Amino acid sequence: MVTIVTNLGRNGLSDWLVQRITAIILLAYSVFLAGFFVANPDVSYAEWRELFNQTWMRIFSLSALLSIVAHAWIGMWAISTDYFTERLLGNIGNILRAVMQFGCIIVLFVYVVWGIQILWGN
């Protein structure tokens, strides 16, 4: 069994459930945006800005952003723990796994901060 600090005490069932919930949120967001573009084929910048100035759309977009981050983190964690193992790569496997996970955490954190700035900034 892989035990590493980035596991954060999760289990497979909670990861599975989070992935399914985030997938549903992302599906709803994608369907909404597709419907918006079908209903407004010649959308202008003013209409687009008006849509994203509404609080409910900002919250919906933020929930989609957080869903992408959670979904990506669980997927990347699973990949790194499955393929970067000590058994497969020797001692370098643990180092590669830690570096990859740390890199993913940094990138996902930057995406969240940047997304919040875009959604809630002026």
N, C-alpha and C. Protein backbone atom coordinates (compact mmCIF):
# COMPACT_ATOMS: atom_id res chain seq x y z
N MET A 1 0.84 -1.18 0.00
CA MET A 1 0.00 0.00 0.00
C MET A 1 0.88 1.24 0.00
N VAL A 2 0.52 2.21 -0.81
CA VAL A 2 1.28 3.44 -0.90
C VAL A 2 0.87 4.37 0.23
N THR A 3 1.84 4.80 1.00
CA THR A 3 1.56 5.81 2.02
C THR A 3 2.51 6.97 1.79
N ILE A 4 1.95 8.08 1.50
CA ILE A 4 2.73 9.29 1.25
C ILE A 4 1.94 10.46 1.81
N VAL A 5 2.61 11.49 2.17
CA VAL A 5 1.97 12.62 2.84
C VAL A 5 0.88 13.26 1.99
N THR A 6 1.01 13.21 0.66
CA THR A 6 0.02 13.85 -0.20
C THR A 6 -1.26 13.04 -0.32
N ASN A 7 -1.33 11.87 0.28
CA ASN A 7 -2.55 11.07 0.26
C ASN A 7 -3.66 11.76 1.05
N LEU A 8 -3.31 12.50 2.09
CA LEU A 8 -4.25 13.25 2.90
C LEU A 8 -5.33 12.38 3.54
N GLY A 9 -5.05 11.12 3.76
CA GLY A 9 -5.96 10.24 4.48
C GLY A 9 -7.22 9.88 3.71
N ARG A 10 -7.21 10.01 2.41
CA ARG A 10 -8.39 9.68 1.62
C ARG A 10 -8.47 8.17 1.44
N ASN A 11 -9.62 7.75 0.96
CA ASN A 11 -9.75 6.35 0.58
C ASN A 11 -10.35 6.28 -0.82
N GLY A 12 -10.35 5.11 -1.39
CA GLY A 12 -10.82 4.94 -2.76
C GLY A 12 -12.27 5.33 -2.97
N LEU A 13 -13.12 5.04 -1.99
CA LEU A 13 -14.54 5.37 -2.13
C LEU A 13 -14.75 6.87 -2.18
N SER A 14 -14.07 7.62 -1.32
CA SER A 14 -14.25 9.08 -1.32
C SER A 14 -13.69 9.67 -2.62
N ASP A 15 -12.57 9.15 -3.10
CA ASP A 15 -12.03 9.62 -4.38
C ASP A 15 -13.01 9.35 -5.51
N TRP A 16 -13.57 8.16 -5.52
CA TRP A 16 -14.55 7.79 -6.56
C TRP A 16 -15.75 8.73 -6.51
N LEU A 17 -16.25 8.99 -5.31
CA LEU A 17 -17.42 9.85 -5.15
C LEU A 17 -17.11 11.28 -5.58
N VAL A 18 -15.96 11.81 -5.18
CA VAL A 18 -15.58 13.17 -5.57
C VAL A 18 -15.45 13.26 -7.08
N GLN A 19 -14.85 12.26 -7.71
CA GLN A 19 -14.70 12.28 -9.17
C GLN A 19 -16.07 12.28 -9.86
N ARG A 20 -17.02 11.52 -9.34
CA ARG A 20 -18.35 11.48 -9.96
C ARG A 20 -19.09 12.79 -9.77
N ILE A 21 -19.01 13.37 -8.59
CA ILE A 21 -19.70 14.64 -8.32
C ILE A 21 -19.09 15.76 -9.16
N THR A 22 -17.76 15.81 -9.21
CA THR A 22 -17.13 16.85 -10.02
C THR A 22 -17.42 16.66 -11.50
N ALA A 23 -17.52 15.42 -11.95
CA ALA A 23 -17.86 15.16 -13.35
C ALA A 23 -19.27 15.67 -13.67
N ILE A 24 -20.20 15.50 -12.74
CA ILE A 24 -21.56 15.98 -12.94
C ILE A 24 -21.59 17.51 -13.01
N ILE A 25 -20.84 18.17 -12.12
CA ILE A 25 -20.77 19.63 -12.15
C ILE A 25 -20.17 20.11 -13.47
N LEU A 26 -19.10 19.46 -13.91
CA LEU A 26 -18.47 19.85 -15.17
C LEU A 26 -19.39 19.59 -16.36
N LEU A 27 -20.14 18.51 -16.32
CA LEU A 27 -21.11 18.23 -17.39
C LEU A 27 -22.18 19.31 -17.42
N ALA A 28 -22.72 19.67 -16.26
CA ALA A 28 -23.76 20.70 -16.19
C ALA A 28 -23.22 22.04 -16.72
N TYR A 29 -22.00 22.38 -16.35
CA TYR A 29 -21.40 23.64 -16.81
C TYR A 29 -21.20 23.62 -18.32
N SER A 30 -20.72 22.50 -18.84
CA SER A 30 -20.50 22.38 -20.28
C SER A 30 -21.81 22.44 -21.05
N VAL A 31 -22.82 21.76 -20.56
CA VAL A 31 -24.13 21.77 -21.22
C VAL A 31 -24.71 23.18 -21.20
N PHE A 32 -24.57 23.86 -20.06
CA PHE A 32 -25.08 25.23 -19.97
C PHE A 32 -24.39 26.13 -20.99
N LEU A 33 -23.05 26.08 -21.05
CA LEU A 33 -22.33 26.94 -21.99
C LEU A 33 -22.66 26.59 -23.44
N ALA A 34 -22.79 25.30 -23.73
CA ALA A 34 -23.16 24.90 -25.09
C ALA A 34 -24.55 25.42 -25.43
N GLY A 35 -25.48 25.31 -24.48
CA GLY A 35 -26.83 25.84 -24.69
C GLY A 35 -26.83 27.34 -24.87
N PHE A 36 -25.99 28.03 -24.12
CA PHE A 36 -25.89 29.48 -24.25
C PHE A 36 -25.41 29.86 -25.65
N PHE A 37 -24.40 29.15 -26.16
CA PHE A 37 -23.89 29.46 -27.49
C PHE A 37 -24.87 29.07 -28.59
N VAL A 38 -25.65 28.02 -28.37
CA VAL A 38 -26.67 27.65 -29.36
C VAL A 38 -27.77 28.71 -29.39
N ALA A 39 -28.16 29.19 -28.20
CA ALA A 39 -29.21 30.20 -28.12
C ALA A 39 -28.72 31.57 -28.58
N ASN A 40 -27.44 31.83 -28.47
CA ASN A 40 -26.86 33.12 -28.85
C ASN A 40 -25.66 32.89 -29.78
N PRO A 41 -25.91 32.54 -31.04
CA PRO A 41 -24.79 32.21 -31.93
C PRO A 41 -23.87 33.40 -32.22
N ASP A 42 -24.39 34.59 -32.18
CA ASP A 42 -23.58 35.78 -32.44
C ASP A 42 -23.40 36.58 -31.16
N VAL A 43 -22.93 35.90 -30.13
CA VAL A 43 -22.77 36.54 -28.83
C VAL A 43 -21.71 37.65 -28.91
N SER A 44 -22.05 38.77 -28.33
CA SER A 44 -21.11 39.89 -28.31
C SER A 44 -20.36 39.90 -26.98
N TYR A 45 -19.32 40.71 -26.94
CA TYR A 45 -18.55 40.84 -25.71
C TYR A 45 -19.43 41.37 -24.58
N ALA A 46 -20.32 42.31 -24.90
CA ALA A 46 -21.20 42.89 -23.89
C ALA A 46 -22.13 41.82 -23.29
N GLU A 47 -22.67 40.95 -24.14
CA GLU A 47 -23.54 39.88 -23.64
C GLU A 47 -22.75 38.88 -22.80
N TRP A 48 -21.56 38.55 -23.25
CA TRP A 48 -20.70 37.61 -22.53
C TRP A 48 -20.33 38.19 -21.16
N ARG A 49 -19.98 39.47 -21.15
CA ARG A 49 -19.62 40.12 -19.89
C ARG A 49 -20.83 40.21 -18.97
N GLU A 50 -22.00 40.50 -19.51
CA GLU A 50 -23.22 40.57 -18.70
C GLU A 50 -23.52 39.21 -18.06
N LEU A 51 -23.32 38.14 -18.81
CA LEU A 51 -23.53 36.80 -18.27
C LEU A 51 -22.60 36.55 -17.08
N PHE A 52 -21.33 36.88 -17.24
CA PHE A 52 -20.36 36.59 -16.18
C PHE A 52 -20.34 37.64 -15.07
N ASN A 53 -21.07 38.73 -15.22
CA ASN A 53 -21.21 39.70 -14.14
C ASN A 53 -22.27 39.28 -13.12
N GLN A 54 -23.07 38.31 -13.48
CA GLN A 54 -24.11 37.84 -12.56
C GLN A 54 -23.48 36.92 -11.51
N THR A 55 -23.90 37.11 -10.27
CA THR A 55 -23.30 36.36 -9.15
C THR A 55 -23.49 34.86 -9.32
N TRP A 56 -24.67 34.43 -9.75
CA TRP A 56 -24.91 33.00 -9.88
C TRP A 56 -23.97 32.36 -10.90
N MET A 57 -23.63 33.11 -11.96
CA MET A 57 -22.73 32.57 -12.98
C MET A 57 -21.30 32.52 -12.46
N ARG A 58 -20.92 33.50 -11.67
CA ARG A 58 -19.59 33.48 -11.06
C ARG A 58 -19.45 32.29 -10.11
N ILE A 59 -20.49 32.04 -9.34
CA ILE A 59 -20.47 30.90 -8.41
C ILE A 59 -20.46 29.59 -9.19
N PHE A 60 -21.25 29.51 -10.24
CA PHE A 60 -21.29 28.32 -11.09
C PHE A 60 -19.91 28.09 -11.73
N SER A 61 -19.30 29.16 -12.22
CA SER A 61 -17.98 29.05 -12.84
C SER A 61 -16.92 28.67 -11.81
N LEU A 62 -17.01 29.24 -10.62
CA LEU A 62 -16.06 28.89 -9.57
C LEU A 62 -16.22 27.43 -9.15
N SER A 63 -17.46 26.96 -9.07
CA SER A 63 -17.66 25.54 -8.73
C SER A 63 -17.11 24.64 -9.84
N ALA A 64 -17.22 25.07 -11.09
CA ALA A 64 -16.64 24.30 -12.20
C ALA A 64 -15.11 24.31 -12.10
N LEU A 65 -14.54 25.45 -11.78
CA LEU A 65 -13.09 25.54 -11.63
C LEU A 65 -12.60 24.64 -10.50
N LEU A 66 -13.26 24.69 -9.35
CA LEU A 66 -12.87 23.84 -8.23
C LEU A 66 -13.08 22.36 -8.54
N SER A 67 -14.10 22.08 -9.34
CA SER A 67 -14.33 20.70 -9.76
C SER A 67 -13.22 20.20 -10.67
N ILE A 68 -12.77 21.05 -11.58
CA ILE A 68 -11.65 20.67 -12.45
C ILE A 68 -10.41 20.38 -11.62
N VAL A 69 -10.16 21.24 -10.63
CA VAL A 69 -8.97 21.06 -9.79
C VAL A 69 -9.06 19.76 -8.99
N ALA A 70 -10.20 19.52 -8.36
CA ALA A 70 -10.36 18.28 -7.57
C ALA A 70 -10.26 17.06 -8.46
N HIS A 71 -10.91 17.11 -9.61
CA HIS A 71 -10.90 16.00 -10.55
C HIS A 71 -9.48 15.72 -11.04
N ALA A 72 -8.77 16.79 -11.39
CA ALA A 72 -7.39 16.64 -11.87
C ALA A 72 -6.47 16.11 -10.77
N TRP A 73 -6.63 16.62 -9.56
CA TRP A 73 -5.75 16.18 -8.48
C TRP A 73 -5.92 14.69 -8.20
N ILE A 74 -7.14 14.23 -8.13
CA ILE A 74 -7.37 12.81 -7.86
C ILE A 74 -6.80 11.96 -9.00
N GLY A 75 -7.01 12.39 -10.22
CA GLY A 75 -6.47 11.65 -11.36
C GLY A 75 -4.95 11.62 -11.37
N MET A 76 -4.33 12.76 -11.14
CA MET A 76 -2.87 12.81 -11.14
C MET A 76 -2.28 12.07 -9.95
N TRP A 77 -2.96 12.13 -8.82
CA TRP A 77 -2.49 11.37 -7.65
C TRP A 77 -2.53 9.88 -7.95
N ALA A 78 -3.62 9.43 -8.57
CA ALA A 78 -3.75 8.01 -8.91
C ALA A 78 -2.67 7.58 -9.90
N ILE A 79 -2.41 8.41 -10.91
CA ILE A 79 -1.38 8.09 -11.89
C ILE A 79 -0.01 8.02 -11.22
N SER A 80 0.29 9.02 -10.39
CA SER A 80 1.62 9.05 -9.78
C SER A 80 1.83 7.89 -8.82
N THR A 81 0.81 7.50 -8.07
CA THR A 81 0.99 6.39 -7.14
C THR A 81 0.97 5.04 -7.85
N ASP A 82 0.36 4.97 -9.02
CA ASP A 82 0.34 3.72 -9.77
C ASP A 82 1.63 3.49 -10.56
N TYR A 83 2.19 4.55 -11.12
CA TYR A 83 3.31 4.39 -12.04
C TYR A 83 4.67 4.81 -11.50
N PHE A 84 4.72 5.67 -10.52
CA PHE A 84 6.00 6.09 -9.94
C PHE A 84 6.20 5.36 -8.62
N THR A 85 6.51 4.09 -8.70
CA THR A 85 6.65 3.28 -7.50
C THR A 85 8.11 2.89 -7.29
N GLU A 86 8.43 2.58 -6.06
CA GLU A 86 9.78 2.13 -5.72
C GLU A 86 10.06 0.79 -6.38
N ARG A 87 9.04 -0.05 -6.45
CA ARG A 87 9.21 -1.37 -7.05
C ARG A 87 9.55 -1.27 -8.53
N LEU A 88 8.93 -0.31 -9.22
CA LEU A 88 9.15 -0.17 -10.66
C LEU A 88 10.40 0.64 -10.99
N LEU A 89 10.65 1.71 -10.24
CA LEU A 89 11.73 2.63 -10.59
C LEU A 89 12.84 2.70 -9.56
N GLY A 90 12.75 1.91 -8.51
CA GLY A 90 13.76 1.97 -7.46
C GLY A 90 13.52 3.19 -6.58
N ASN A 91 14.55 3.64 -5.91
CA ASN A 91 14.42 4.79 -5.01
C ASN A 91 14.02 6.06 -5.73
N ILE A 92 14.36 6.17 -7.00
CA ILE A 92 14.01 7.36 -7.76
C ILE A 92 12.50 7.48 -7.94
N GLY A 93 11.77 6.36 -7.86
CA GLY A 93 10.32 6.38 -8.01
C GLY A 93 9.64 7.25 -6.96
N ASN A 94 10.07 7.13 -5.71
CA ASN A 94 9.49 7.95 -4.65
C ASN A 94 9.78 9.42 -4.87
N ILE A 95 10.98 9.72 -5.33
CA ILE A 95 11.36 11.12 -5.58
C ILE A 95 10.56 11.68 -6.75
N LEU A 96 10.45 10.91 -7.83
CA LEU A 96 9.66 11.36 -8.98
C LEU A 96 8.21 11.58 -8.61
N ARG A 97 7.66 10.69 -7.81
CA ARG A 97 6.27 10.83 -7.38
C ARG A 97 6.09 12.10 -6.57
N ALA A 98 6.98 12.35 -5.64
CA ALA A 98 6.87 13.56 -4.81
C ALA A 98 7.02 14.82 -5.65
N VAL A 99 7.96 14.82 -6.58
CA VAL A 99 8.15 15.99 -7.44
C VAL A 99 6.93 16.22 -8.31
N MET A 100 6.39 15.15 -8.90
CA MET A 100 5.22 15.29 -9.76
C MET A 100 4.03 15.80 -8.95
N GLN A 101 3.81 15.23 -7.78
CA GLN A 101 2.67 15.66 -6.97
C GLN A 101 2.84 17.10 -6.50
N PHE A 102 4.05 17.47 -6.12
CA PHE A 102 4.29 18.85 -5.70
C PHE A 102 4.07 19.79 -6.88
N GLY A 103 4.55 19.42 -8.05
CA GLY A 103 4.34 20.23 -9.25
C GLY A 103 2.86 20.40 -9.57
N CYS A 104 2.10 19.31 -9.45
CA CYS A 104 0.66 19.38 -9.70
C CYS A 104 -0.02 20.30 -8.69
N ILE A 105 0.37 20.21 -7.44
CA ILE A 105 -0.22 21.07 -6.41
C ILE A 105 0.05 22.54 -6.73
N ILE A 106 1.26 22.86 -7.12
CA ILE A 106 1.61 24.25 -7.45
C ILE A 106 0.79 24.73 -8.65
N VAL A 107 0.74 23.93 -9.71
CA VAL A 107 0.00 24.33 -10.91
C VAL A 107 -1.48 24.50 -10.60
N LEU A 108 -2.07 23.56 -9.89
CA LEU A 108 -3.50 23.65 -9.57
C LEU A 108 -3.79 24.84 -8.66
N PHE A 109 -2.90 25.13 -7.72
CA PHE A 109 -3.07 26.30 -6.86
C PHE A 109 -3.04 27.58 -7.69
N VAL A 110 -2.09 27.68 -8.62
CA VAL A 110 -2.00 28.86 -9.48
C VAL A 110 -3.28 29.00 -10.30
N TYR A 111 -3.80 27.89 -10.84
CA TYR A 111 -5.04 27.95 -11.61
C TYR A 111 -6.21 28.46 -10.77
N VAL A 112 -6.30 28.01 -9.53
CA VAL A 112 -7.40 28.46 -8.67
C VAL A 112 -7.27 29.95 -8.37
N VAL A 113 -6.08 30.38 -8.00
CA VAL A 113 -5.88 31.80 -7.71
C VAL A 113 -6.17 32.65 -8.94
N TRP A 114 -5.66 32.23 -10.07
CA TRP A 114 -5.87 32.95 -11.32
C TRP A 114 -7.35 32.97 -11.70
N GLY A 115 -8.02 31.85 -11.56
CA GLY A 115 -9.45 31.77 -11.87
C GLY A 115 -10.29 32.66 -10.97
N ILE A 116 -9.97 32.68 -9.68
CA ILE A 116 -10.70 33.55 -8.76
C ILE A 116 -10.46 35.01 -9.12
N GLN A 117 -9.23 35.34 -9.47
CA GLN A 117 -8.92 36.70 -9.88
C GLN A 117 -9.71 37.09 -11.12
N ILE A 118 -9.81 36.19 -12.08
CA ILE A 118 -10.56 36.48 -13.30
C ILE A 118 -12.05 36.62 -12.99
N LEU A 119 -12.60 35.70 -12.23
CA LEU A 119 -14.04 35.70 -11.96
C LEU A 119 -14.48 36.83 -11.05
N TRP A 120 -13.72 37.15 -10.04
CA TRP A 120 -14.16 38.10 -9.02
C TRP A 120 -13.41 39.42 -9.07
N GLY A 121 -12.43 39.54 -9.98
CA GLY A 121 -11.70 40.80 -10.13
C GLY A 121 -12.54 41.81 -10.90
N ASN A 122 -11.99 42.97 -11.06
CA ASN A 122 -12.72 44.03 -11.80
C ASN A 122 -12.52 43.92 -13.27
